[in-house]
Amino acid sequence: MTRYPRDMRGYGATPPDPRWPGAARVAISLVLNYEEGGENCVLHGDAGSEAFLSDIAGAAPWPGQRHWNMESIYEYGARAGFWRLHRLFTGMNLPVTIYGVATALARSPEQVAAMQSAGWEIASHGLKWVEHRDMPEAEERAQIAEAIRLHTEVTGARPRGWYTGRCSENTVRLTAEEGGFDWISDTYDDDLPYWREVGPRDQLVIPYTLEANDMRFATAPGYIEGEQFFTYLRDTFDTLYAEGLAGAPKMFSIGLHCRLIGRPGKLAGLKRFLDYARGHEGVWFATRGQIAAHWAETHPHRRRERPSQMAQARFIEAFGAIYEHSPWIAERAHALELGPAHDSLEGMASALARIFRSASAVERLGVLTAHPDLAGKLAQAKRLTADSTAEQASAGLDALTDAERAEFEALNARYTEKFGFPFIIAVKDNTKASILHAFHHRLENSREAEFAEACRQVERIAWHRLSAMDL
């Protein structure tokens, strides 16, 4: 047995209506990353200089040395870019979420005071703006704890949100296990918040963005002028706004950095977009904390039994009767590579159907012969399974006239004599009249064609049975 942990399904074809405040058609989350003073630097005890997300093309670390140009670019973000953005956002009275690197915040008391004076949410962006990919789990856990401690010391309150950014495979689990975050954002996998179960913890995740993000000014392919940034943000907004008008509102995260978007030519594109978005009705600008509070109240998490997490005995108990008198199908399906995508109607239908389709012809014939005749002697004797009884009743086969019953019995006899298995049809897709029509039509098939059709009908019956379950 193997289990696949990645969730490739998410909300599927029908995402929930977020019911944003004021019936907003889109929720916009402005995120300003404050990393200046927390980046790689030998002054910070690091092995070399920073090389990530700057205007220096092709930058590489300088081992054991200070990189004066790189440091000055980061310093621009704190000295000039932050204040330009502060004036823009406060002038427009827009809420902002800060992703604050704890050591950077500690080195910028005036900027922190300005953030707090503006009422901005200050979330944690980790202890240092460094790569966590190869960091041992115990060290990363300790850095998370130290980031919380220092953040609390600097701002006066512990952070309620978290985003590492340069994270490891353990980051989401470790921050959820810490237990004190209303939201975490180290994912990029959806346009809406969602809940993640981490042990006993129900953790809200608010996905972030790497594309509606000014980091593309410093990466290739990327933006080279503010107008390109504006165009991308506008096109994203228009698409999401149209989806909201059609009844499927979403969230729009915009990622910003003081040293990047804080440059005058780049900022112009952002300002143009903000003016554009504010010119529309039904737009909710919110911090991530506000989005988290709304989601927790509107869509609280409900734990449920998940097929991919069931022990084998429970799995067979739950799904052993989906294929008529054939629990071996569920037994084999439990050994497949199941995961979150299978904790749904289509997921379980697929897993069980795979076993049925890959079974030998003899085994599949056994499944066909396990099905009862339609309106046959077992039905009259009330010896059908509960599923078969309900299915036949749904098409009125439990209330036949004497003439109708005689016709079904004659057709059953002809069909079984010709093909060697009972006539099978998903009665929930049919009426009594369409069943009789199919009976006559399918009697003209070859055995090979009819065997294939009967197998398709078995799978369809299984789908209906699964659809009646809480998946």
Protein backbone atom coordinates (compact mmCIF):
# COMPACT_ATOMS: atom_id res chain seq x y z
CA MET A 1 0.00 0.00 0.00
CA THR A 2 1.26 3.47 -0.88
CA ARG A 3 -0.27 6.85 -0.23
CA TYR A 4 0.29 9.93 -2.39
CA PRO A 5 0.29 13.07 -0.22
CA ARG A 6 -0.10 15.78 -2.89
CA ASP A 7 -3.61 17.18 -3.33
CA MET A 8 -4.26 17.47 -7.07
CA ARG A 9 -8.01 17.95 -6.61
CA GLY A 10 -8.51 20.90 -4.30
CA TYR A 11 -12.05 22.22 -4.54
CA GLY A 12 -12.62 20.49 -7.87
CA ALA A 13 -15.11 21.82 -10.39
CA THR A 14 -17.30 23.60 -7.82
CA PRO A 15 -15.27 25.81 -5.46
CA PRO A 16 -17.17 27.29 -2.51
CA ASP A 17 -18.65 30.75 -2.64
CA PRO A 18 -16.42 32.72 -0.28
CA ARG A 19 -19.29 35.14 0.44
CA TRP A 20 -16.86 38.03 0.75
CA PRO A 21 -18.10 41.00 2.81
CA GLY A 22 -20.39 43.32 0.90
CA ALA A 23 -20.92 40.63 -1.74
CA ALA A 24 -17.52 41.56 -3.19
CA ARG A 25 -16.62 39.92 -6.49
CA VAL A 26 -12.92 39.74 -5.69
CA ALA A 27 -10.81 40.09 -2.55
CA ILE A 28 -7.45 41.79 -3.07
CA SER A 29 -4.59 41.08 -0.67
CA LEU A 30 -1.67 43.51 -0.93
CA VAL A 31 1.47 41.96 0.55
CA LEU A 32 4.64 43.96 1.16
CA ASN A 33 7.68 41.79 1.88
CA TYR A 34 10.04 43.50 4.34
CA GLU A 35 13.36 41.66 3.99
CA GLU A 36 15.91 44.46 4.03
CA GLY A 37 18.40 43.77 6.81
CA GLY A 38 17.46 40.10 7.03
CA GLU A 39 19.14 38.92 3.81
CA ASN A 40 22.35 36.90 3.52
CA CYS A 41 25.26 39.04 4.65
CA VAL A 42 28.51 38.26 6.45
CA LEU A 43 27.50 40.93 8.98
CA HIS A 44 24.56 38.67 9.86
CA GLY A 45 26.79 35.65 10.37
CA ASP A 46 26.15 34.20 6.93
CA ALA A 47 28.75 32.54 4.73
CA GLY A 48 28.47 35.09 1.96
CA SER A 49 26.46 37.86 0.37
CA GLU A 50 22.87 37.78 -0.94
CA ALA A 51 22.22 36.91 -4.59
CA PHE A 52 18.42 36.71 -4.79
CA LEU A 53 15.86 39.26 -5.98
CA SER A 54 17.80 42.37 -6.80
CA ASP A 55 18.39 44.54 -9.85
CA ILE A 56 21.88 43.07 -10.27
CA ALA A 57 21.65 40.81 -13.32
CA GLY A 58 23.21 37.39 -12.81
CA ALA A 59 24.13 38.08 -9.19
CA ALA A 60 26.08 35.38 -7.37
CA PRO A 61 27.04 35.11 -3.69
CA TRP A 62 30.41 36.46 -2.64
CA PRO A 63 31.70 33.85 -0.15
CA GLY A 64 33.14 35.43 2.96
CA GLN A 65 32.80 38.99 1.63
CA ARG A 66 30.40 41.88 1.84
CA HIS A 67 28.85 42.72 -1.53
CA TRP A 68 28.62 46.50 -1.29
CA ASN A 69 26.37 46.94 -4.32
CA MET A 70 23.96 44.21 -3.22
CA GLU A 71 23.78 45.62 0.29
CA SER A 72 23.05 49.09 -1.04
CA ILE A 73 20.21 47.81 -3.21
CA TYR A 74 18.59 46.19 -0.18
CA GLU A 75 19.22 49.38 1.78
CA TYR A 76 17.35 51.33 -0.90
CA GLY A 77 14.28 49.26 -0.09
CA ALA A 78 14.41 50.28 3.57
CA ARG A 79 15.60 53.87 3.12
CA ALA A 80 13.49 54.98 0.14
CA GLY A 81 11.27 52.25 -1.33
CA PHE A 82 9.38 51.53 1.89
CA TRP A 83 8.49 55.16 2.46
CA ARG A 84 7.35 55.64 -1.14
CA LEU A 85 5.03 52.63 -0.74
CA HIS A 86 3.92 53.82 2.70
CA ARG A 87 2.83 57.15 1.23
CA LEU A 88 1.03 55.40 -1.62
CA PHE A 89 -0.92 52.96 0.53
CA THR A 90 -1.77 55.33 3.36
CA GLY A 91 -2.76 58.00 0.85
CA MET A 92 -5.22 55.54 -0.71
CA ASN A 93 -6.23 54.20 2.73
CA LEU A 94 -5.52 50.62 1.62
CA PRO A 95 -4.91 47.76 4.07
CA VAL A 96 -1.58 45.97 3.75
CA THR A 97 -0.10 42.75 5.07
CA ILE A 98 3.61 42.91 5.85
CA TYR A 99 5.66 39.75 5.47
CA GLY A 100 8.26 40.83 8.00
CA VAL A 101 11.58 39.02 8.39
CA ALA A 102 12.13 39.21 12.16
CA THR A 103 15.78 40.30 12.01
CA ALA A 104 14.93 42.89 9.36
CA LEU A 105 12.14 44.33 11.50
CA ALA A 106 14.50 44.50 14.47
CA ARG A 107 16.89 46.63 12.39
CA SER A 108 14.14 49.02 11.19
CA PRO A 109 12.30 50.51 14.20
CA GLU A 110 11.04 53.59 12.33
CA GLN A 111 9.53 51.48 9.55
CA VAL A 112 7.87 49.18 12.11
CA ALA A 113 6.39 52.18 13.88
CA ALA A 114 5.04 53.43 10.54
CA MET A 115 3.51 50.04 9.77
CA GLN A 116 1.79 49.99 13.14
CA SER A 117 0.64 53.60 12.87
CA ALA A 118 -0.97 52.74 9.53
CA GLY A 119 -2.76 49.75 11.10
CA TRP A 120 -1.08 47.25 8.80
CA GLU A 121 -0.98 43.57 9.64
CA ILE A 122 2.59 42.41 10.38
CA ALA A 123 2.99 38.70 9.71
CA SER A 124 6.18 36.70 10.07
CA HIS A 125 8.47 36.08 7.13
CA GLY A 126 10.83 33.92 9.17
CA LEU A 127 13.88 34.73 11.23
CA LYS A 128 16.18 35.52 8.28
CA TRP A 129 15.67 35.92 4.53
CA VAL A 130 17.71 32.82 3.68
CA GLU A 131 17.24 29.48 1.93
CA HIS A 132 15.61 26.77 4.07
CA ARG A 133 15.79 23.96 1.50
CA ASP A 134 18.63 22.02 3.15
CA MET A 135 17.98 23.15 6.71
CA PRO A 136 17.63 20.23 9.17
CA GLU A 137 14.14 19.95 10.60
CA ALA A 138 15.25 20.60 14.17
CA GLU A 139 17.08 23.76 13.11
CA GLU A 140 14.12 25.06 11.12
CA ARG A 141 11.80 24.39 14.05
CA ALA A 142 14.15 26.35 16.30
CA GLN A 143 14.33 29.23 13.82
CA ILE A 144 10.52 29.39 13.67
CA ALA A 145 10.40 29.65 17.44
CA GLU A 146 13.10 32.32 17.48
CA ALA A 147 11.35 34.27 14.72
CA ILE A 148 8.17 34.33 16.80
CA ARG A 149 10.09 35.39 19.91
CA LEU A 150 11.96 38.21 18.16
CA HIS A 151 8.88 39.36 16.23
CA THR A 152 6.95 39.60 19.50
CA GLU A 153 9.79 41.51 21.15
CA VAL A 154 10.04 43.99 18.27
CA THR A 155 6.34 44.58 17.51
CA GLY A 156 4.74 43.92 20.89
CA ALA A 157 2.55 41.04 19.64
CA ARG A 158 3.20 37.57 18.29
CA PRO A 159 2.61 37.10 14.55
CA ARG A 160 -0.70 35.52 13.60
CA GLY A 161 0.32 34.78 10.00
CA TRP A 162 3.38 33.13 8.45
CA TYR A 163 5.21 32.97 5.12
CA THR A 164 8.77 31.67 4.79
CA GLY A 165 9.07 31.95 1.02
CA ARG A 166 12.40 30.17 0.56
CA CYS A 167 10.90 27.21 2.39
CA SER A 168 11.74 23.54 2.88
CA GLU A 169 9.51 20.50 2.43
CA ASN A 170 8.88 20.68 6.20
CA THR A 171 7.90 24.34 6.52
CA VAL A 172 4.12 24.08 6.15
CA ARG A 173 3.94 21.17 8.57
CA LEU A 174 6.24 22.80 11.12
CA THR A 175 4.42 26.13 11.12
CA ALA A 176 1.07 24.36 11.40
CA GLU A 177 2.35 22.22 14.26
CA GLU A 178 3.48 25.37 16.08
CA GLY A 179 -0.24 25.91 16.57
CA GLY A 180 -0.45 29.68 16.87
CA PHE A 181 -0.98 30.89 13.32
CA ASP A 182 -4.39 31.91 12.02
CA TRP A 183 -3.02 31.43 8.50
CA ILE A 184 0.08 30.32 6.66
CA SER A 185 0.91 31.10 3.03
CA ASP A 186 3.75 28.86 1.86
CA THR A 187 1.69 27.47 -1.01
CA TYR A 188 0.72 28.73 -4.46
CA ASP A 189 -1.94 26.15 -5.27
CA ASP A 190 -5.32 27.87 -5.27
CA ASP A 191 -7.29 31.09 -5.70
CA LEU A 192 -9.12 30.58 -2.41
CA PRO A 193 -8.13 29.76 1.18
CA TYR A 194 -8.46 26.16 2.29
CA TRP A 195 -7.99 24.03 5.40
CA ARG A 196 -5.15 21.59 5.88
CA GLU A 197 -5.23 18.88 8.54
CA VAL A 198 -1.85 18.52 10.24
CA GLY A 199 -2.19 16.00 13.04
CA PRO A 200 -4.85 17.38 15.39
CA ARG A 201 -4.41 20.89 13.97
CA ASP A 202 -6.86 22.34 11.43
CA GLN A 203 -4.66 24.92 9.73
CA LEU A 204 -6.00 27.58 7.39
CA VAL A 205 -3.84 28.11 4.32
CA ILE A 206 -4.07 31.31 2.27
CA PRO A 207 -2.15 30.64 -0.96
CA TYR A 208 0.29 33.27 -2.15
CA THR A 209 1.60 34.20 -5.61
CA LEU A 210 4.89 34.25 -7.48
CA GLU A 211 3.43 35.60 -10.72
CA ALA A 212 1.34 38.61 -9.69
CA ASN A 213 4.51 39.59 -7.93
CA ASP A 214 7.06 42.32 -8.50
CA MET A 215 9.82 39.72 -8.10
CA ARG A 216 9.39 39.27 -11.84
CA PHE A 217 11.27 42.55 -12.24
CA ALA A 218 14.31 40.65 -10.94
CA THR A 219 13.84 37.25 -12.59
CA ALA A 220 13.64 36.02 -16.16
CA PRO A 221 11.26 35.96 -17.88
CA GLY A 222 9.93 39.02 -16.18
CA TYR A 223 8.86 42.63 -16.34
CA ILE A 224 11.17 45.42 -17.44
CA GLU A 225 8.80 48.34 -17.02
CA GLY A 226 5.90 49.36 -14.80
CA GLU A 227 3.43 49.20 -17.67
CA GLN A 228 3.99 45.45 -18.03
CA PHE A 229 3.28 44.96 -14.34
CA PHE A 230 0.13 47.04 -14.62
CA THR A 231 -1.04 45.07 -17.66
CA TYR A 232 -0.58 41.73 -15.93
CA LEU A 233 -2.32 42.87 -12.75
CA ARG A 234 -5.18 44.39 -14.75
CA ASP A 235 -5.67 41.24 -16.83
CA THR A 236 -5.65 39.08 -13.71
CA PHE A 237 -8.14 41.39 -12.03
CA ASP A 238 -10.45 41.42 -15.05
CA THR A 239 -10.50 37.62 -15.22
CA LEU A 240 -11.19 37.20 -11.50
CA TYR A 241 -13.75 40.01 -11.50
CA ALA A 242 -15.63 38.34 -14.35
CA GLU A 243 -15.61 35.04 -12.45
CA GLY A 244 -16.99 36.88 -9.45
CA LEU A 245 -19.78 38.37 -11.55
CA ALA A 246 -20.57 34.84 -12.73
CA GLY A 247 -21.00 33.66 -9.15
CA ALA A 248 -17.52 32.33 -8.35
CA PRO A 249 -15.60 35.05 -6.45
CA LYS A 250 -11.90 34.52 -5.80
CA MET A 251 -8.95 36.03 -3.97
CA PHE A 252 -6.19 38.03 -5.69
CA SER A 253 -2.82 38.18 -3.94
CA ILE A 254 -0.27 40.77 -5.08
CA GLY A 255 3.32 40.33 -3.91
CA LEU A 256 5.55 43.39 -3.48
CA HIS A 257 9.08 44.17 -2.28
CA CYS A 258 10.36 47.51 -1.03
CA ARG A 259 13.60 47.41 -3.05
CA LEU A 260 11.79 46.41 -6.27
CA ILE A 261 8.37 48.05 -6.64
CA GLY A 262 9.65 50.91 -4.47
CA ARG A 263 11.62 52.24 -7.46
CA PRO A 264 9.78 55.16 -9.11
CA GLY A 265 9.36 53.67 -12.57
CA LYS A 266 8.04 50.40 -11.22
CA LEU A 267 5.75 52.01 -8.68
CA ALA A 268 3.91 53.89 -11.42
CA GLY A 269 2.54 50.61 -12.79
CA LEU A 270 1.30 49.55 -9.36
CA LYS A 271 -0.39 52.90 -8.76
CA ARG A 272 -2.08 52.69 -12.15
CA PHE A 273 -3.48 49.30 -11.23
CA LEU A 274 -4.71 50.38 -7.81
CA ASP A 275 -6.57 53.30 -9.40
CA TYR A 276 -8.05 50.87 -11.93
CA ALA A 277 -9.21 48.35 -9.32
CA ARG A 278 -10.66 51.01 -7.05
CA GLY A 279 -12.74 52.22 -9.98
CA HIS A 280 -14.81 49.02 -9.81
CA GLU A 281 -17.65 48.20 -7.45
CA GLY A 282 -17.54 45.04 -5.37
CA VAL A 283 -13.80 44.96 -4.65
CA TRP A 284 -12.71 44.10 -1.10
CA PHE A 285 -9.17 45.18 -0.20
CA ALA A 286 -8.27 43.18 2.90
CA THR A 287 -5.33 42.01 4.94
CA ARG A 288 -4.67 38.31 5.05
CA GLY A 289 -5.72 38.32 8.67
CA GLN A 290 -9.11 39.77 7.69
CA ILE A 291 -9.48 37.14 4.96
CA ALA A 292 -8.56 34.42 7.46
CA ALA A 293 -11.08 35.63 10.03
CA HIS A 294 -13.82 35.80 7.40
CA TRP A 295 -13.03 32.34 6.07
CA ALA A 296 -12.91 30.74 9.52
CA GLU A 297 -16.34 32.18 10.32
CA THR A 298 -17.93 31.54 6.93
CA HIS A 299 -16.31 28.21 6.06
CA PRO A 300 -15.24 26.52 9.31
CA HIS A 301 -13.44 23.25 8.82
CA ARG A 302 -15.32 19.97 9.14
CA ARG A 303 -13.27 16.84 9.58
CA ARG A 304 -14.61 13.76 7.84
CA GLU A 305 -13.58 10.20 7.26
CA ARG A 306 -11.30 10.07 4.22
CA PRO A 307 -11.03 6.90 2.11
CA SER A 308 -7.30 7.37 1.52
CA GLN A 309 -6.71 7.33 5.29
CA MET A 310 -8.88 4.31 6.12
CA ALA A 311 -7.44 1.05 7.42
CA GLN A 312 -8.07 -1.87 5.09
CA ALA A 313 -10.87 -3.41 7.15
CA ARG A 314 -12.75 -0.10 7.35
CA PHE A 315 -12.18 0.53 3.64
CA ILE A 316 -13.69 -2.84 2.72
CA GLU A 317 -16.57 -2.24 5.12
CA ALA A 318 -17.29 1.11 3.46
CA PHE A 319 -16.83 0.13 -0.19
CA GLY A 320 -17.05 -3.66 -0.34
CA ALA A 321 -20.66 -3.62 -1.54
CA ILE A 322 -20.21 -0.99 -4.25
CA TYR A 323 -19.60 -3.76 -6.78
CA GLU A 324 -22.31 -6.37 -6.22
CA HIS A 325 -21.13 -9.14 -3.88
CA SER A 326 -17.50 -8.43 -4.85
CA PRO A 327 -15.60 -7.08 -1.82
CA TRP A 328 -12.32 -8.21 -3.40
CA ILE A 329 -12.47 -5.08 -5.58
CA ALA A 330 -12.35 -2.81 -2.54
CA GLU A 331 -9.64 -4.97 -0.98
CA ARG A 332 -7.38 -4.55 -3.99
CA ALA A 333 -8.23 -0.87 -4.41
CA HIS A 334 -7.02 -0.17 -0.88
CA ALA A 335 -3.52 -1.19 -2.02
CA LEU A 336 -3.44 1.39 -4.83
CA GLU A 337 -1.56 4.68 -4.62
CA LEU A 338 -4.45 6.57 -3.03
CA GLY A 339 -4.32 10.18 -1.91
CA PRO A 340 -6.46 13.30 -1.39
CA ALA A 341 -7.71 13.12 -4.98
CA HIS A 342 -9.44 9.84 -4.11
CA ASP A 343 -11.33 11.28 -1.14
CA SER A 344 -14.19 12.16 -3.46
CA LEU A 345 -16.89 10.60 -5.60
CA GLU A 346 -14.88 10.60 -8.81
CA GLY A 347 -11.72 9.59 -6.99
CA MET A 348 -13.24 6.50 -5.41
CA ALA A 349 -15.15 5.63 -8.59
CA SER A 350 -11.83 5.71 -10.44
CA ALA A 351 -9.96 3.60 -7.89
CA LEU A 352 -12.60 0.86 -7.82
CA ALA A 353 -13.09 0.93 -11.59
CA ARG A 354 -9.37 0.49 -12.13
CA ILE A 355 -9.44 -2.77 -10.19
CA PHE A 356 -12.54 -3.99 -12.05
CA ARG A 357 -11.06 -3.10 -15.45
CA SER A 358 -7.72 -4.76 -14.74
CA ALA A 359 -9.30 -7.95 -13.38
CA SER A 360 -9.34 -11.09 -15.49
CA ALA A 361 -12.29 -11.83 -17.76
CA VAL A 362 -13.30 -14.63 -15.41
CA GLU A 363 -13.29 -12.28 -12.42
CA ARG A 364 -15.31 -9.64 -14.26
CA LEU A 365 -17.78 -12.33 -15.34
CA GLY A 366 -18.13 -13.20 -11.67
CA VAL A 367 -19.12 -9.61 -10.93
CA LEU A 368 -21.68 -9.67 -13.73
CA THR A 369 -23.22 -12.95 -12.57
CA ALA A 370 -23.40 -11.59 -9.01
CA HIS A 371 -26.02 -9.09 -10.19
CA PRO A 372 -29.67 -10.14 -9.88
CA ASP A 373 -32.14 -10.32 -12.74
CA LEU A 374 -34.22 -7.18 -13.16
CA ALA A 375 -37.61 -7.73 -11.55
CA GLY A 376 -36.66 -11.38 -11.17
CA LYS A 377 -37.38 -14.04 -8.57
CA LEU A 378 -34.95 -12.62 -6.01
CA ALA A 379 -36.72 -9.28 -6.17
CA GLN A 380 -40.09 -10.94 -5.76
CA ALA A 381 -38.74 -12.87 -2.77
CA LYS A 382 -37.26 -9.66 -1.33
CA ARG A 383 -33.77 -11.16 -1.27
CA LEU A 384 -31.93 -8.37 -3.09
CA THR A 385 -29.22 -6.28 -1.45
CA ALA A 386 -30.39 -2.96 -0.08
CA ASP A 387 -28.68 -1.14 -2.97
CA SER A 388 -30.29 -3.33 -5.64
CA THR A 389 -33.69 -3.03 -4.00
CA ALA A 390 -33.51 0.76 -3.98
CA GLU A 391 -32.19 0.88 -7.54
CA GLN A 392 -34.92 -1.30 -8.99
CA ALA A 393 -37.56 0.60 -7.07
CA SER A 394 -36.28 3.90 -8.49
CA ALA A 395 -37.43 2.81 -11.96
CA GLY A 396 -40.72 1.34 -10.74
CA LEU A 397 -39.59 -2.28 -11.18
CA ASP A 398 -41.00 -3.14 -7.75
CA ALA A 399 -44.52 -2.29 -8.90
CA LEU A 400 -45.01 -4.14 -12.20
CA THR A 401 -48.27 -5.42 -13.55
CA ASP A 402 -48.54 -9.17 -14.13
CA ALA A 403 -48.05 -8.62 -17.88
CA GLU A 404 -44.98 -6.44 -17.33
CA ARG A 405 -43.47 -8.97 -14.94
CA ALA A 406 -44.01 -11.75 -17.43
CA GLU A 407 -42.31 -9.69 -20.15
CA PHE A 408 -39.28 -9.04 -17.94
CA GLU A 409 -39.02 -12.70 -16.99
CA ALA A 410 -39.11 -13.75 -20.64
CA LEU A 411 -36.49 -11.20 -21.61
CA ASN A 412 -34.28 -12.22 -18.67
CA ALA A 413 -34.42 -15.84 -19.77
CA ARG A 414 -33.54 -15.02 -23.40
CA TYR A 415 -30.71 -12.70 -22.40
CA THR A 416 -29.12 -15.08 -19.88
CA GLU A 417 -29.38 -18.01 -22.26
CA LYS A 418 -27.62 -16.06 -25.01
CA PHE A 419 -24.90 -14.31 -23.01
CA GLY A 420 -24.41 -16.35 -19.83
CA PHE A 421 -24.89 -13.45 -17.42
CA PRO A 422 -27.89 -11.35 -16.36
CA PHE A 423 -28.99 -8.16 -18.10
CA ILE A 424 -27.38 -5.24 -16.26
CA ILE A 425 -28.31 -1.61 -16.64
CA ALA A 426 -27.95 1.44 -14.42
CA VAL A 427 -31.62 1.80 -13.65
CA LYS A 428 -31.12 5.22 -12.03
CA ASP A 429 -30.31 6.57 -15.49
CA ASN A 430 -33.47 5.04 -16.97
CA THR A 431 -37.21 4.58 -16.84
CA LYS A 432 -39.16 1.36 -17.13
CA ALA A 433 -39.80 2.10 -20.79
CA SER A 434 -36.14 2.87 -21.63
CA ILE A 435 -35.03 -0.28 -19.80
CA LEU A 436 -37.36 -2.42 -21.90
CA HIS A 437 -36.13 -0.68 -25.06
CA ALA A 438 -32.49 -1.36 -24.08
CA PHE A 439 -33.36 -4.97 -23.31
CA HIS A 440 -34.65 -5.58 -26.83
CA HIS A 441 -31.84 -3.59 -28.48
CA ARG A 442 -28.99 -5.23 -26.59
CA LEU A 443 -30.26 -8.74 -27.29
CA GLU A 444 -29.03 -8.11 -30.85
CA ASN A 445 -25.41 -7.54 -29.70
CA SER A 446 -22.59 -10.04 -29.99
CA ARG A 447 -21.40 -11.55 -26.72
CA GLU A 448 -18.16 -9.57 -26.88
CA ALA A 449 -20.00 -6.30 -27.37
CA GLU A 450 -22.54 -7.09 -24.70
CA PHE A 451 -19.90 -8.17 -22.20
CA ALA A 452 -18.23 -4.77 -22.65
CA GLU A 453 -21.56 -2.94 -22.34
CA ALA A 454 -22.50 -4.87 -19.21
CA CYS A 455 -19.15 -3.95 -17.65
CA ARG A 456 -19.76 -0.28 -18.43
CA GLN A 457 -23.16 -0.51 -16.77
CA VAL A 458 -21.61 -2.13 -13.69
CA GLU A 459 -19.24 0.82 -13.38
CA ARG A 460 -22.13 3.23 -13.76
CA ILE A 461 -24.09 1.45 -11.03
CA ALA A 462 -21.02 1.69 -8.79
CA TRP A 463 -20.83 5.43 -9.47
CA HIS A 464 -24.45 5.88 -8.41
CA ARG A 465 -23.87 3.92 -5.22
CA LEU A 466 -20.85 6.03 -4.37
CA SER A 467 -22.78 9.23 -5.11
CA ALA A 468 -25.17 8.35 -2.29
CA MET A 469 -22.26 8.38 0.18
CA ASP A 470 -20.77 11.41 1.94
CA LEU A 471 -17.59 11.72 -0.09
